[in-house]
Protein backbone atom coordinates (compact mmCIF):
# COMPACT_ATOMS: atom_id res chain seq x y z
CA MET A 1 44.25 -28.49 -22.55
CA LEU A 2 43.88 -32.34 -22.93
CA ARG A 3 43.25 -34.15 -19.45
CA SER A 4 42.24 -37.64 -18.90
CA VAL A 5 39.21 -37.91 -17.56
CA ASN A 6 40.07 -40.31 -14.84
CA SER A 7 42.83 -37.76 -13.72
CA PHE A 8 40.17 -35.16 -12.61
CA THR A 9 37.35 -37.53 -11.74
CA GLY A 10 36.86 -37.07 -7.87
CA PHE A 11 37.91 -33.23 -7.95
CA ASN A 12 36.06 -31.39 -5.11
CA ILE A 13 33.48 -28.89 -6.78
CA ALA A 14 34.28 -25.04 -5.60
CA ALA A 15 31.70 -22.93 -5.64
CA LYS A 16 32.42 -19.40 -5.25
CA ASP A 17 31.77 -19.49 -1.12
CA GLY A 18 33.25 -22.85 -0.67
CA GLU A 19 33.24 -26.27 -1.51
CA ILE A 20 30.30 -28.10 -1.97
CA GLY A 21 30.56 -31.55 -3.51
CA PHE A 22 32.88 -33.73 -6.20
CA LEU A 23 32.61 -34.39 -9.63
CA GLU A 24 31.18 -37.68 -10.38
CA SER A 25 31.42 -38.39 -14.27
CA LEU A 26 30.86 -36.53 -17.43
CA HIS A 27 27.66 -36.65 -19.24
CA PHE A 28 28.46 -35.76 -23.24
CA ASP A 29 26.56 -36.14 -26.64
CA SER A 30 27.79 -39.22 -28.40
CA SER A 31 27.49 -37.54 -31.56
CA SER A 32 29.49 -34.65 -31.08
CA TRP A 33 31.34 -36.11 -28.27
CA LYS A 34 30.87 -32.52 -26.65
CA VAL A 35 30.58 -32.57 -22.75
CA LYS A 36 27.04 -31.67 -21.66
CA TYR A 37 27.25 -32.03 -18.12
CA LEU A 38 29.57 -31.95 -15.18
CA VAL A 39 27.84 -34.73 -12.77
CA THR A 40 28.06 -33.21 -9.43
CA ASP A 41 27.64 -35.21 -6.08
CA ILE A 42 26.46 -32.62 -3.29
CA VAL A 43 26.92 -34.33 0.20
CA ASP A 44 26.03 -32.90 3.56
CA PHE A 45 25.73 -34.28 6.67
CA PHE A 46 21.94 -35.34 5.99
CA SER A 47 21.63 -36.26 2.32
CA SER A 48 23.15 -36.62 -1.08
CA GLN A 49 21.99 -35.37 -4.12
CA ARG A 50 23.13 -35.34 -7.64
CA VAL A 51 23.13 -32.13 -10.06
CA LEU A 52 24.21 -31.32 -13.60
CA LEU A 53 26.36 -28.08 -14.12
CA VAL A 54 27.11 -27.05 -17.31
CA PRO A 55 30.80 -27.03 -18.76
CA THR A 56 31.01 -23.29 -19.07
CA ASP A 57 30.39 -22.21 -15.59
CA ALA A 58 33.67 -23.89 -14.82
CA TYR A 59 36.63 -21.28 -15.01
CA ASP A 60 39.47 -23.46 -13.79
CA LEU A 61 40.70 -26.75 -12.99
CA SER A 62 43.44 -27.19 -10.45
CA TRP A 63 45.35 -30.22 -10.09
CA LEU A 64 47.35 -28.21 -7.16
CA ASP A 65 44.26 -28.48 -4.61
CA GLU A 66 42.05 -31.28 -7.00
CA SER A 67 39.05 -29.11 -7.49
CA ILE A 68 36.90 -27.66 -10.26
CA LYS A 69 36.20 -23.88 -9.44
CA ILE A 70 32.96 -23.17 -10.26
CA ASP A 71 31.16 -19.02 -11.20
CA LEU A 72 28.08 -19.94 -8.95
CA SER A 73 27.26 -20.11 -5.11
CA LYS A 74 26.49 -22.80 -3.08
CA GLU A 75 22.59 -22.63 -3.17
CA GLN A 76 22.79 -21.68 -7.01
CA ILE A 77 24.40 -25.29 -7.40
CA LYS A 78 22.14 -26.53 -5.28
CA SER A 79 19.30 -25.36 -6.90
CA ALA A 80 20.78 -26.30 -10.22
CA LYS A 81 19.32 -29.17 -13.01
CA PRO A 82 18.89 -32.55 -10.97
CA TYR A 83 20.38 -35.40 -12.07
CA SER A 84 17.04 -37.24 -13.14
CA SER A 85 15.98 -34.34 -15.32
CA ASP A 86 18.31 -35.60 -18.10
CA LEU A 87 19.23 -39.02 -17.94
CA PRO A 88 22.05 -40.81 -19.78
CA VAL A 89 21.57 -43.90 -22.02
CA SER A 90 22.98 -46.24 -19.49
CA ASP A 91 20.13 -44.95 -16.95
CA GLN A 92 17.43 -45.01 -19.81
CA HIS A 93 18.25 -48.70 -20.14
CA GLU A 94 17.82 -49.47 -16.39
CA LEU A 95 14.48 -47.65 -16.11
CA LEU A 96 13.20 -49.59 -19.55
CA ARG A 97 14.63 -52.99 -17.70
CA ASP A 98 12.22 -52.01 -14.65
CA ARG A 99 9.36 -51.43 -16.89
CA ASN A 100 10.02 -54.44 -18.66
CA LEU A 101 10.00 -57.02 -15.62
CA ASN A 102 7.08 -58.12 -13.87
CA SER A 103 7.73 -59.73 -10.25
CA LEU A 104 5.98 -62.86 -9.39
CA TYR A 105 6.86 -65.18 -6.32
CA LEU A 106 6.61 -68.92 -5.89
CA ALA A 107 7.05 -70.90 -2.82
CA GLU A 108 10.25 -72.91 -2.90
CA PRO A 109 9.13 -76.78 -2.60
CA TRP A 110 12.07 -77.89 -0.17
CA SER A 111 11.81 -75.12 2.33
CA GLY A 112 8.73 -73.20 1.56
CA SER A 113 10.42 -69.85 1.36
CA ILE A 114 8.92 -67.40 -1.07
CA LEU A 115 11.08 -66.99 -4.05
CA PRO A 116 11.07 -63.77 -6.50
CA LEU A 117 10.72 -65.05 -10.17
CA TRP A 118 11.43 -62.08 -12.59
CA ILE A 119 9.73 -62.52 -16.11
CA PRO A 120 10.92 -60.10 -18.80
CA LEU A 121 7.89 -58.75 -20.98
CA LEU A 122 9.44 -57.61 -23.96
CA HIS A 123 7.90 -54.73 -25.92
CA LYS A 124 8.27 -53.82 -29.25
CA ASN A 125 8.45 -49.90 -29.11
CA ASP A 126 11.53 -50.00 -26.51
CA ASP A 127 13.44 -47.52 -29.13
CA LYS A 128 10.22 -45.04 -28.58
CA VAL A 129 9.85 -45.43 -24.93
CA LEU A 130 13.56 -44.40 -24.66
CA THR A 131 13.28 -41.20 -26.81
CA GLU A 132 10.86 -40.34 -24.72
CA ILE A 133 12.44 -41.01 -21.60
CA GLY A 134 15.52 -38.79 -22.78
CA ASP A 135 18.33 -38.13 -25.28
CA PRO A 136 19.53 -41.05 -27.11
CA ASP A 137 23.08 -39.70 -27.70
CA LEU A 138 23.54 -38.84 -24.04
CA ARG A 139 26.05 -40.82 -22.42
CA CYS A 140 27.97 -41.09 -19.33
CA THR A 141 32.04 -41.40 -19.16
CA LYS A 142 31.35 -43.42 -15.58
CA ALA A 143 28.98 -45.87 -17.47
CA ILE A 144 31.23 -46.49 -20.55
CA LYS A 145 34.47 -47.28 -18.84
CA GLY A 146 35.00 -50.90 -19.19
CA ARG A 147 32.38 -51.35 -22.45
CA ARG A 148 33.76 -53.73 -24.82
CA VAL A 149 35.25 -52.20 -28.05
CA LYS A 150 34.90 -54.28 -31.54
CA ALA A 151 37.24 -53.35 -34.27
CA SER A 152 35.89 -54.39 -37.64
CA ASP A 153 37.64 -57.78 -37.63
CA LYS A 154 37.55 -58.70 -33.80
CA GLU A 155 37.08 -57.83 -30.29
CA ALA A 156 39.54 -55.31 -29.25
CA GLY A 157 39.57 -54.32 -25.75
CA VAL A 158 37.64 -52.13 -23.25
CA VAL A 159 37.40 -48.47 -22.68
CA LYS A 160 39.85 -47.44 -19.86
CA ASP A 161 40.01 -43.39 -20.04
CA PHE A 162 38.84 -40.46 -22.14
CA ILE A 163 41.19 -37.38 -23.18
CA VAL A 164 39.19 -34.18 -23.20
CA ASP A 165 39.88 -30.62 -24.05
CA THR A 166 39.27 -28.75 -20.80
CA ASP A 167 39.47 -25.50 -23.00
CA THR A 168 36.55 -26.49 -24.92
CA TRP A 169 35.02 -29.50 -23.24
CA MET A 170 35.32 -31.83 -26.31
CA ILE A 171 36.21 -35.48 -25.82
CA LYS A 172 38.88 -36.05 -28.16
CA PHE A 173 40.34 -39.61 -27.69
CA LEU A 174 39.32 -42.82 -26.12
CA VAL A 175 42.13 -44.96 -24.29
CA ILE A 176 41.19 -48.68 -25.20
CA ASP A 177 42.70 -51.12 -23.00
CA THR A 178 43.90 -54.20 -25.50
CA ASN A 179 45.34 -56.28 -22.56
CA GLY A 180 44.06 -59.98 -22.34
CA ILE A 181 42.83 -59.66 -26.17
CA LEU A 182 45.48 -57.94 -28.23
CA PRO A 183 48.91 -57.53 -27.34
CA PHE A 184 49.01 -53.85 -27.90
CA GLY A 185 48.37 -52.56 -24.19
CA ASP A 186 46.83 -49.48 -23.78
CA VAL A 187 46.58 -47.26 -27.07
CA LEU A 188 44.94 -43.81 -28.06
CA MET A 189 42.29 -43.45 -30.52
CA ALA A 190 40.42 -40.56 -32.09
CA THR A 191 36.56 -40.49 -30.88
CA HIS A 192 35.46 -40.22 -34.42
CA HIS A 193 36.71 -43.72 -35.04
CA VAL A 194 33.57 -44.98 -33.43
CA SER A 195 30.94 -45.71 -35.69
CA ALA A 196 28.09 -47.58 -33.77
CA TRP A 197 27.12 -48.27 -30.19
CA ALA A 198 25.23 -51.58 -29.18
CA GLU A 199 21.41 -51.56 -28.73
CA ASP A 200 21.70 -52.32 -25.26
CA ASP A 201 25.03 -49.99 -24.79
CA THR A 202 27.02 -52.41 -23.55
CA ALA A 203 29.74 -51.85 -26.30
CA LEU A 204 30.67 -49.44 -29.26
CA GLU A 205 32.07 -50.36 -32.83
CA ILE A 206 34.83 -48.50 -34.30
CA ASN A 207 35.90 -48.24 -37.89
CA PHE A 208 39.48 -49.64 -37.32
CA SER A 209 40.41 -53.15 -37.61
CA SER A 210 42.85 -54.81 -34.91
CA GLN A 211 45.91 -53.99 -37.00
CA ASP A 212 45.05 -50.33 -37.23
CA LEU A 213 44.57 -50.08 -33.35
CA GLU A 214 47.97 -51.18 -33.42
CA ALA A 215 49.65 -48.65 -35.20
CA CYS A 216 48.01 -46.04 -32.75
CA PRO A 217 50.08 -44.39 -29.97
CA LYS A 218 50.31 -46.13 -26.92
CA TYR A 219 49.21 -44.27 -24.00
CA ASP A 220 51.08 -43.80 -20.74
CA PRO A 221 48.80 -41.93 -18.14
CA ASN A 222 52.39 -40.47 -16.72
CA GLU A 223 53.32 -38.82 -19.78
CA PRO A 224 51.43 -35.67 -20.94
CA VAL A 225 49.21 -35.72 -24.01
CA ASN A 226 49.85 -32.92 -26.51
CA ARG A 227 50.46 -32.18 -30.12
CA GLU A 228 54.47 -32.68 -29.36
CA TYR A 229 53.84 -36.07 -27.94
CA VAL A 230 51.92 -37.40 -30.68
CA LEU A 231 54.05 -35.98 -33.40
CA LYS A 232 56.78 -37.98 -31.80
CA LEU A 233 55.13 -41.23 -32.37
CA TYR A 234 52.01 -41.35 -35.08
CA ASP A 235 49.15 -39.51 -36.05
CA TYR A 236 45.58 -40.57 -34.78
CA GLU A 237 44.88 -42.06 -38.28
CA GLY A 238 47.50 -44.81 -37.47
CA LYS A 239 50.14 -43.66 -39.90
CA PHE A 240 53.80 -42.68 -39.14
CA ILE A 241 54.68 -39.66 -39.35
CA ARG A 242 57.93 -37.26 -39.12
CA SER A 243 58.85 -36.42 -35.65
CA GLU A 244 59.65 -32.66 -37.00
CA SER A 245 56.87 -30.29 -35.61
CA SER A 246 56.35 -28.85 -39.25
CA SER A 247 53.01 -26.94 -39.70
CA ASP A 248 51.82 -29.51 -41.99
CA ASN A 249 51.88 -32.31 -39.50
CA PHE A 250 50.02 -29.74 -37.18
CA GLU A 251 47.40 -29.21 -39.66
CA LYS A 252 47.34 -32.86 -40.28
CA LEU A 253 46.87 -33.17 -36.35
CA ASP A 254 44.40 -30.88 -35.94
CA ALA A 255 42.24 -32.16 -38.78
CA SER A 256 42.20 -35.62 -37.23
CA ILE A 257 40.85 -34.54 -33.67
CA LYS A 258 38.53 -31.85 -34.95
């Protein structure tokens, strides 16, 4: 089933023997758009820790009680892979920035206070260091939300949400907020149109022009995202199609979201 990531972020994580935490975000492979981890924040009276659960351990996503049921015990979840063992690109860059900054302290001339002065040290092997730190394609929905989207001809908006198939845990579409830049509102675009990521990971590029983006279906968070919804409007390549639910249309739609 196609679901908005925003709609279930924060859901409780329910182990076989009770609730243990909540879903913080999803980590995904940005080359395949396959979800790799459910980032789970475990909170108790004394501490908080983040662990990485694999989607195959999740067997039910319930809107009734706002929970994700996991086929593991609480102890098994607590001993799952720690967050720091496989960092997404956003955290990799943060580590690199920390590595590339040295702190000097100078006396402020008027008050005599000691103030920090940060001086960046540029390294030629940053890409190599990032590869050593972690997977260069591992990205986080929480970090990517709000990132700038650059169309082939101009700035197009920002990433607002993700539409994921919770049966296969593949991210199929991006919700792009064009408000303030283009007059299209929120639109849905298939993830295979993302062509590149900025080196500093602050933006992504798409192989659509702003005109192509205008032809994409408008996104309404109150409406279900399904094949019928899409067929009544447009296909995800931005071309108008018939409203009839013919097999040809379904095949065309399936091809556009694979």
